[in-house]
Protein backbone atom coordinates (compact mmCIF):
# COMPACT_ATOMS: atom_id res chain seq x y z
CA MET A 1 115.86 85.60 102.56
CA SER A 2 115.20 82.36 101.14
CA LEU A 3 115.90 81.34 97.19
CA ASN A 4 112.03 81.42 97.11
CA ASP A 5 111.47 84.77 97.85
CA THR A 6 111.52 87.53 95.39
CA PRO A 7 113.73 90.36 96.53
CA ARG A 8 112.48 93.89 96.10
CA GLY A 9 114.75 94.66 93.35
CA GLU A 10 113.19 92.15 91.39
CA ARG A 11 109.72 93.14 91.68
CA MET A 12 107.79 95.76 89.71
CA HIS A 13 107.29 99.22 91.52
CA ILE A 14 104.02 100.51 91.78
CA ALA A 15 103.92 103.91 93.58
CA VAL A 16 101.05 105.74 94.90
CA PHE A 17 101.13 109.68 94.66
CA GLY A 18 98.62 112.55 95.85
CA ARG A 19 98.08 115.18 97.93
CA ARG A 20 97.70 114.82 101.80
CA ASN A 21 94.55 113.12 102.83
CA ALA A 22 93.49 112.12 99.17
CA GLY A 23 93.05 108.74 100.29
CA LYS A 24 96.68 107.06 99.20
CA SER A 25 97.37 104.70 101.96
CA SER A 26 93.79 103.28 101.62
CA VAL A 27 94.14 102.62 98.06
CA ILE A 28 97.29 100.69 99.10
CA ASN A 29 95.24 98.69 101.89
CA ALA A 30 92.44 98.05 99.29
CA LEU A 31 95.06 96.87 96.65
CA GLY A 32 96.99 94.87 99.66
CA GLY A 33 94.07 93.49 101.16
CA GLN A 34 95.37 94.32 104.69
CA GLU A 35 96.31 97.51 106.46
CA THR A 36 99.76 98.00 105.90
CA SER A 37 99.47 101.79 105.87
CA ILE A 38 98.29 103.80 108.74
CA VAL A 39 94.95 105.68 107.92
CA SER A 40 93.89 108.45 109.56
CA PRO A 41 91.70 111.60 108.61
CA VAL A 42 94.56 113.91 109.86
CA SER A 43 96.61 115.41 107.13
CA GLY A 44 100.22 114.25 106.63
CA THR A 45 99.79 110.92 108.35
CA THR A 46 102.36 109.06 106.16
CA THR A 47 105.80 110.09 106.46
CA ASP A 48 108.53 108.23 104.95
CA PRO A 49 107.74 105.82 101.98
CA VAL A 50 106.13 102.54 102.96
CA TYR A 51 106.98 99.63 100.86
CA GLN A 52 104.41 96.57 100.72
CA PRO A 53 105.24 93.58 98.71
CA MET A 54 102.40 91.63 97.28
CA GLU A 55 101.49 89.10 94.53
CA LEU A 56 99.37 90.70 91.69
CA LEU A 57 98.31 87.84 89.19
CA PRO A 58 99.25 87.44 86.53
CA VAL A 59 101.99 90.14 86.91
CA GLY A 60 103.70 88.19 89.87
CA PRO A 61 105.33 89.80 92.41
CA VAL A 62 104.97 93.79 93.20
CA VAL A 63 105.96 96.16 95.47
CA LEU A 64 103.50 98.98 96.34
CA ILE A 65 104.67 102.13 97.77
CA ASP A 66 102.63 104.66 99.87
CA THR A 67 104.01 108.04 99.73
CA ALA A 68 103.87 111.39 101.83
CA GLY A 69 101.68 113.88 100.28
CA LEU A 70 102.88 116.23 97.70
CA ASP A 71 101.52 119.47 99.28
CA ASP A 72 103.08 118.79 102.53
CA SER A 73 104.62 121.89 104.21
CA GLY A 74 107.28 123.10 106.52
CA SER A 75 110.92 121.79 106.97
CA LEU A 76 109.80 118.64 107.99
CA GLY A 77 107.38 118.45 104.84
CA GLU A 78 109.99 119.35 102.93
CA GLN A 79 112.11 116.26 103.57
CA ARG A 80 109.05 114.18 102.85
CA ILE A 81 108.51 115.59 99.47
CA ARG A 82 112.24 114.95 98.73
CA LYS A 83 111.83 111.35 99.85
CA THR A 84 108.62 111.03 97.86
CA ASN A 85 110.45 112.37 94.74
CA GLN A 86 113.17 109.66 95.21
CA VAL A 87 110.50 107.41 94.76
CA LEU A 88 109.83 108.54 91.42
CA SER A 89 113.27 107.02 90.30
CA LYS A 90 112.32 103.42 91.03
CA THR A 91 108.96 103.79 89.91
CA ASP A 92 107.37 101.48 87.26
CA LEU A 93 104.05 102.51 87.29
CA ALA A 94 102.42 105.41 89.28
CA LEU A 95 99.11 105.81 90.70
CA LEU A 96 97.75 109.38 91.11
CA VAL A 97 95.33 109.64 93.89
CA ILE A 98 92.65 112.59 93.68
CA ASP A 99 90.21 113.30 96.41
CA ALA A 100 86.84 113.54 94.39
CA VAL A 101 85.64 116.47 96.59
CA GLN A 102 88.94 118.56 96.51
CA GLY A 103 89.50 118.32 92.77
CA VAL A 104 92.47 118.92 90.78
CA GLY A 105 95.32 121.56 91.65
CA GLU A 106 98.77 122.47 90.83
CA PHE A 107 100.07 119.76 92.23
CA GLU A 108 98.54 117.18 89.74
CA HIS A 109 99.68 118.94 87.03
CA ASN A 110 103.50 119.09 88.23
CA LEU A 111 103.43 115.60 88.86
CA LEU A 112 101.94 114.54 85.80
CA GLN A 113 104.27 116.63 84.02
CA ASN A 114 107.57 114.99 85.88
CA LEU A 115 105.95 111.53 85.25
CA SER A 116 105.79 112.28 81.42
CA VAL A 117 109.39 113.45 81.64
CA LYS A 118 110.65 110.32 83.28
CA LYS A 119 108.29 108.32 81.15
CA ILE A 120 106.26 106.60 83.75
CA SER A 121 103.04 105.05 82.92
CA VAL A 122 100.20 106.49 85.21
CA ILE A 123 96.69 105.50 86.30
CA LEU A 124 94.53 108.35 87.38
CA LEU A 125 92.24 107.42 90.52
CA LEU A 126 89.15 109.54 91.29
CA ASN A 127 89.04 108.43 95.01
CA LYS A 128 85.81 109.24 97.62
CA VAL A 129 83.36 109.39 94.78
CA ASP A 130 80.96 107.95 97.64
CA LEU A 131 81.43 111.56 99.22
CA LEU A 132 80.35 113.54 96.16
CA GLU A 133 76.75 113.79 97.04
CA GLU A 134 77.47 114.42 100.81
CA HIS A 135 80.37 117.33 100.14
CA GLY A 136 79.87 118.03 96.20
CA ASP A 137 77.69 120.35 94.29
CA GLY A 138 75.06 117.23 93.42
CA GLU A 139 77.03 116.35 90.37
CA GLU A 140 77.45 112.58 89.37
CA PRO A 141 80.84 111.12 89.71
CA THR A 142 80.69 110.64 85.91
CA VAL A 143 80.35 114.35 85.54
CA VAL A 144 83.55 115.19 87.78
CA ALA A 145 85.38 112.49 86.17
CA ALA A 146 84.66 114.29 82.83
CA LYS A 147 86.04 117.56 84.38
CA VAL A 148 89.03 115.97 85.93
CA GLU A 149 89.85 114.33 82.12
CA GLU A 150 89.54 118.03 80.64
CA GLN A 151 91.94 119.15 82.98
CA LEU A 152 94.74 116.64 82.87
CA HIS A 153 94.13 115.08 79.60
CA LEU A 154 93.91 111.73 81.14
CA LYS A 155 90.92 109.66 82.00
CA PRO A 156 90.39 108.57 85.58
CA MET A 157 89.04 105.79 87.15
CA LEU A 158 86.15 105.95 89.73
CA PHE A 159 87.32 104.74 93.10
CA SER A 160 86.25 104.34 96.63
CA ALA A 161 88.56 102.80 99.08
CA LEU A 162 85.79 103.01 101.68
CA ARG A 163 83.29 100.96 99.98
CA ASN A 164 85.98 98.80 98.12
CA THR A 165 84.40 99.73 94.51
CA GLY A 166 86.72 99.70 91.75
CA ILE A 167 89.21 97.60 93.16
CA LYS A 168 88.75 94.72 90.26
CA ASP A 169 89.29 97.42 87.64
CA LEU A 170 92.01 98.68 88.94
CA LYS A 171 93.88 95.55 89.45
CA ALA A 172 93.01 94.85 85.66
CA ALA A 173 94.38 98.11 84.56
CA ILE A 174 97.84 97.67 86.19
CA VAL A 175 98.30 94.69 85.04
CA ARG A 176 97.75 96.01 81.33
CA GLU A 177 100.22 99.28 81.99
CA LEU A 178 102.86 97.61 83.65
CA PRO A 179 106.03 97.47 81.36
CA ARG A 180 106.33 94.25 79.69
CA ASP A 181 109.84 92.69 80.11
CA GLU A 182 109.62 89.55 78.06
CA ASP A 183 112.87 90.78 76.12
CA ARG A 184 114.84 91.98 78.89
CA PHE A 185 117.98 89.73 79.62
CA ARG A 186 118.27 87.34 82.27
CA LEU A 187 120.96 87.20 84.63
CA VAL A 188 122.79 84.32 83.12
CA GLY A 189 119.96 81.95 81.78
CA ASP A 190 119.92 83.36 78.25
CA LEU A 191 123.51 82.60 77.60
CA LEU A 192 122.89 78.60 78.95
CA ASN A 193 121.29 75.82 77.36
CA PRO A 194 119.57 73.09 79.33
CA GLY A 195 122.05 70.46 80.59
CA ASP A 196 124.77 73.17 80.55
CA LEU A 197 127.21 73.70 83.24
CA ALA A 198 128.00 76.79 85.31
CA VAL A 199 130.61 76.78 88.15
CA LEU A 200 130.04 79.57 90.94
CA VAL A 201 132.97 80.73 92.95
CA VAL A 202 131.48 81.98 96.23
CA PRO A 203 134.23 82.90 98.89
CA ILE A 204 133.66 82.38 102.58
CA ASP A 205 135.08 85.16 104.32
CA LYS A 206 134.66 87.45 107.56
CA ALA A 207 132.42 89.73 105.32
CA ALA A 208 130.20 86.84 104.07
CA PRO A 209 126.81 86.61 105.91
CA LYS A 210 126.78 83.48 108.45
CA GLY A 211 124.79 80.92 107.40
CA ARG A 212 123.55 82.03 104.08
CA LEU A 213 124.70 83.19 100.42
CA ILE A 214 124.34 86.98 99.49
CA LEU A 215 121.68 88.05 97.17
CA PRO A 216 123.57 88.17 93.79
CA GLN A 217 124.86 84.55 94.51
CA GLN A 218 121.23 83.12 95.39
CA GLN A 219 119.40 84.86 92.24
CA THR A 220 122.34 83.44 89.91
CA ILE A 221 121.56 80.00 91.15
CA ARG A 222 117.95 80.12 90.84
CA ASP A 223 118.11 81.49 87.20
CA ILE A 224 120.29 78.61 86.13
CA MET A 225 118.14 76.38 87.71
CA GLU A 226 115.23 77.79 85.79
CA CYS A 227 116.83 77.49 82.18
CA ASP A 228 117.56 73.64 83.25
CA ALA A 229 121.06 74.31 83.57
CA VAL A 230 123.46 72.74 86.12
CA ALA A 231 125.04 75.11 89.00
CA VAL A 232 128.20 73.89 90.93
CA VAL A 233 129.10 76.20 93.96
CA THR A 234 132.73 76.17 95.38
CA LYS A 235 135.13 78.51 97.03
CA GLU A 236 138.04 79.89 95.41
CA GLN A 237 140.49 77.99 97.02
CA GLU A 238 138.81 74.62 95.85
CA LEU A 239 138.19 75.88 92.16
CA GLY A 240 140.98 73.58 90.61
CA HIS A 241 140.26 70.69 92.32
CA THR A 242 136.85 71.11 91.52
CA LEU A 243 137.33 71.53 87.88
CA LYS A 244 139.21 68.50 87.91
CA MET A 245 136.49 66.35 89.85
CA LEU A 246 133.97 67.47 87.27
CA GLY A 247 135.16 65.42 84.35
CA ARG A 248 134.03 68.20 81.77
CA LYS A 249 134.80 71.74 81.12
CA PRO A 250 132.17 74.20 82.36
CA ASN A 251 130.40 76.34 80.18
CA VAL A 252 130.93 79.43 82.44
CA VAL A 253 132.77 80.11 85.67
CA ILE A 254 131.12 83.14 87.48
CA THR A 255 133.09 84.59 90.50
CA ASP A 256 133.29 87.14 93.16
CA SER A 257 134.79 90.13 91.64
CA GLN A 258 137.24 90.15 94.52
CA ALA A 259 138.62 86.74 93.82
CA PHE A 260 139.15 87.46 89.97
CA LEU A 261 142.84 87.13 90.16
CA LYS A 262 142.80 83.58 91.81
CA VAL A 263 139.84 82.21 89.76
CA GLN A 264 141.58 83.48 86.35
CA ALA A 265 144.90 81.49 87.09
CA ASP A 266 142.73 78.31 87.81
CA THR A 267 140.32 78.57 85.06
CA PRO A 268 141.26 77.22 81.55
CA LYS A 269 141.65 80.19 79.09
CA ASP A 270 139.12 78.46 76.66
CA VAL A 271 136.30 78.62 79.46
CA PRO A 272 134.23 81.79 79.88
CA LEU A 273 134.87 83.89 83.22
CA THR A 274 132.97 86.71 84.53
CA SER A 275 131.73 87.68 87.72
CA PHE A 276 128.45 88.08 89.53
CA SER A 277 129.03 92.03 89.55
CA ILE A 278 129.37 91.94 85.96
CA LEU A 279 126.02 89.68 85.15
CA PHE A 280 124.28 92.48 87.46
CA ALA A 281 125.55 95.56 85.56
CA ARG A 282 124.09 93.89 82.41
CA TYR A 283 120.92 92.83 84.08
CA LYS A 284 120.19 95.92 86.06
CA GLY A 285 121.84 98.71 83.84
CA ASP A 286 123.95 99.19 80.77
CA LEU A 287 126.65 97.03 80.53
CA PRO A 288 128.49 98.99 77.55
CA GLN A 289 128.33 102.28 79.14
CA LEU A 290 129.72 100.83 82.83
CA VAL A 291 132.60 99.30 80.30
CA ARG A 292 133.36 102.93 78.43
CA GLY A 293 134.04 104.48 81.88
CA VAL A 294 136.58 102.15 82.55
CA ARG A 295 138.99 104.52 80.22
CA ALA A 296 138.11 107.48 82.80
CA ILE A 297 140.40 105.85 85.36
CA GLY A 298 143.45 106.39 83.59
CA ARG A 299 142.58 110.11 83.24
CA LEU A 300 142.24 110.82 86.74
CA GLN A 301 144.30 113.53 88.15
CA ASP A 302 145.50 114.78 91.70
CA GLY A 303 142.51 116.32 93.21
CA ASP A 304 139.84 114.70 91.21
CA ARG A 305 136.40 113.75 93.30
CA VAL A 306 135.40 110.18 92.95
CA LEU A 307 132.08 108.92 94.24
CA ILE A 308 131.69 105.37 95.31
CA ALA A 309 127.83 104.71 95.55
CA GLU A 310 126.06 101.88 97.43
CA ALA A 311 122.62 100.80 96.82
CA CYS A 312 122.11 99.65 100.55
CA THR A 313 123.37 100.39 104.03
CA HIS A 314 125.28 97.97 105.93
CA HIS A 315 128.00 97.35 108.78
CA ARG A 316 131.27 98.07 107.30
CA GLN A 317 133.97 95.69 108.09
CA SER A 318 137.71 96.52 108.79
CA ASP A 319 138.45 95.95 105.17
CA ASP A 320 135.20 97.14 103.79
CA ILE A 321 135.09 96.88 99.80
CA ALA A 322 133.29 100.14 99.38
CA SER A 323 135.24 102.59 102.19
CA VAL A 324 138.58 100.52 101.97
CA LYS A 325 139.50 98.21 99.58
CA ILE A 326 138.47 100.19 96.19
CA PRO A 327 139.94 103.33 97.35
CA ARG A 328 143.18 101.67 97.84
CA TRP A 329 143.23 100.03 94.71
CA LEU A 330 142.37 103.12 92.76
CA ARG A 331 145.18 104.98 94.51
CA GLU A 332 147.54 102.03 93.95
CA LEU A 333 146.50 101.96 90.25
CA THR A 334 146.56 105.84 89.31
CA GLY A 335 149.24 107.14 91.80
CA ARG A 336 146.97 110.04 92.14
CA GLN A 337 145.88 111.96 95.17
CA LEU A 338 141.98 111.86 94.87
CA GLN A 339 139.28 112.92 96.75
CA ILE A 340 136.76 110.04 97.64
CA GLU A 341 133.57 110.36 98.57
CA HIS A 342 130.85 107.94 99.68
CA ALA A 343 127.14 107.68 99.31
CA ALA A 344 124.77 104.68 100.56
CA GLY A 345 121.21 103.59 100.06
CA SER A 346 118.79 106.33 98.19
CA ASP A 347 121.01 109.13 99.28
CA PHE A 348 122.58 109.50 95.61
CA PRO A 349 123.89 113.13 94.87
CA ALA A 350 121.60 115.24 93.38
CA GLY A 351 124.63 117.28 91.53
CA LEU A 352 127.13 114.80 89.64
CA GLY A 353 128.89 117.41 87.52
CA GLY A 354 131.83 117.96 90.14
CA TYR A 355 132.87 114.35 90.09
CA SER A 356 135.32 112.73 87.49
CA LEU A 357 134.19 109.10 88.42
CA ILE A 358 131.21 107.38 89.73
CA ILE A 359 132.00 103.73 90.93
CA HIS A 360 128.67 101.61 91.95
CA CYS A 361 128.03 98.74 93.54
CA GLY A 362 126.24 95.82 91.48
CA ALA A 363 122.74 97.39 92.49
CA CYS A 364 121.30 94.22 93.57
CA MET A 365 119.09 95.99 96.01
CA LEU A 366 117.94 98.43 93.27
CA ASN A 367 115.16 97.68 90.63
CA ARG A 368 116.12 98.22 87.03
CA ARG A 369 114.59 101.33 86.41
CA ALA A 370 116.19 103.09 89.54
CA MET A 371 119.62 101.87 88.34
CA LEU A 372 118.77 102.99 84.60
CA GLY A 373 117.94 106.67 86.07
CA ARG A 374 121.32 106.87 88.13
CA LEU A 375 122.99 105.89 84.87
CA GLU A 376 121.14 108.56 82.99
CA GLU A 377 121.74 111.19 85.89
CA ALA A 378 125.62 110.22 85.30
CA GLU A 379 125.38 110.47 81.29
CA HIS A 380 123.30 113.80 81.50
CA ALA A 381 126.19 115.38 83.78
CA GLY A 382 129.06 113.58 81.41
CA VAL A 383 130.52 111.62 84.36
CA PRO A 384 131.78 108.39 83.65
CA ILE A 385 130.44 105.74 85.67
CA VAL A 386 131.46 102.02 86.13
CA ASN A 387 130.47 99.30 88.68
CA TYR A 388 132.17 96.99 91.27
CA GLY A 389 132.85 94.05 89.02
CA VAL A 390 133.93 96.19 85.80
CA PHE A 391 136.09 98.18 87.93
CA ILE A 392 137.77 95.50 90.00
CA ALA A 393 138.25 93.34 86.83
CA TYR A 394 139.74 96.16 85.00
CA VAL A 395 142.44 97.12 88.31
CA GLN A 396 143.06 93.45 88.41
CA GLY A 397 143.85 93.07 84.77
CA VAL A 398 140.88 90.75 83.83
CA PHE A 399 140.14 93.00 81.15
CA PRO A 400 139.01 92.05 78.86
CA ARG A 401 138.16 88.35 79.49
CA ALA A 402 135.60 89.16 82.13
CA ILE A 403 133.35 90.76 79.54
CA GLU A 404 134.29 88.53 76.57
CA MET A 405 131.03 86.73 76.91
CA PHE A 406 128.83 89.97 75.96
CA PRO A 407 129.57 91.25 72.57
CA SER A 408 127.98 94.71 73.14
CA ALA A 409 130.37 95.05 76.00
CA MET A 410 133.30 94.17 73.95
CA LEU A 411 132.59 96.35 71.28
CA ALA A 412 132.41 99.50 73.78
CA TRP A 413 135.85 98.26 74.95
CA GLU A 414 137.33 97.96 71.51
CA GLU A 415 135.97 101.36 70.51
CA GLY A 416 137.63 102.91 73.73
CA LEU A 417 140.89 101.22 72.38
CA TYR A 418 140.71 103.73 69.70
CA HIS A 419 139.69 107.09 71.36
């Protein structure tokens, strides 16, 4: 991926839901202007969710998600419905498609209730209005729409994917309904002024992708550039030499978490120091909650279950951070015999109550709603949660320096000292 690409985790997620053959895939294709999703009169054509990135002005980059029908049946149908429900956790805006001829059923009522509980905005589409005269009882589309509104307490938009009618109004509605994130933290840009200097420490080892930087590093560089600050990138072995060459102290040093010990030793104590993963903890989730979770490490007992969760799947190296390093550090620090389990990708366990601690990755591949959803699940289950950067800073003795830049995180840390 290039520095100009917008990763999926940074795009607003617009998911299309509805019963089988309601026209969800046709809506996706009409919005995207191309046939990305397969369209067929056969019910259940869409199996796994289909993701389609697109630009939607003036919002910018979004991703459209086509889902399987909520009324699917059989064992495969149950799996498809489970995957569709997983999409809810990452949805910023839902489009609920209703077949104008088929009408409203329990599926629409149940989905709307679920969306309401999750506080997800929804646009109701009455699709296939062109078929009303052929298959309906002769009622005008506006009359059918009024009945749907009475049943669901939400006014539907008239739409025909076949005739490409209603697309302009739908795009305008999407722009109005998408959440506004003007006040949301940037990765690091809100902490820098034009002309400031940020030094980024990027190890190049056997786990680093050939010929490119990993996503958190790319995004941090771009964020620094967008606030008119200066980014200098170096390896951990070259940090001391780099700082001497600069002729001035940097405003911040940002490191890969696994290089914390070396970087802390070479960074002057009056220079703020943090990690890419901690920046993502603040950007994608709730840094104070993750900091509070650190206290649970010292309370672990023999036999406790610990979940290590990653937002993506990848080929594991011999010294993989999730399966090798973190378990080793955790056992060395606590001296306990722990049951360590792993989850990757979208397979975040439904029941968290049996865990004593969750250690989550930086979530660069999740959008913010998805990560916040996981944090809410952990909080609801009463399970402490940390992320890789917070965990590694703690076990390597870099706390509280690694979070001193963030007052709310420091407050959470200091409160924990007295409880």
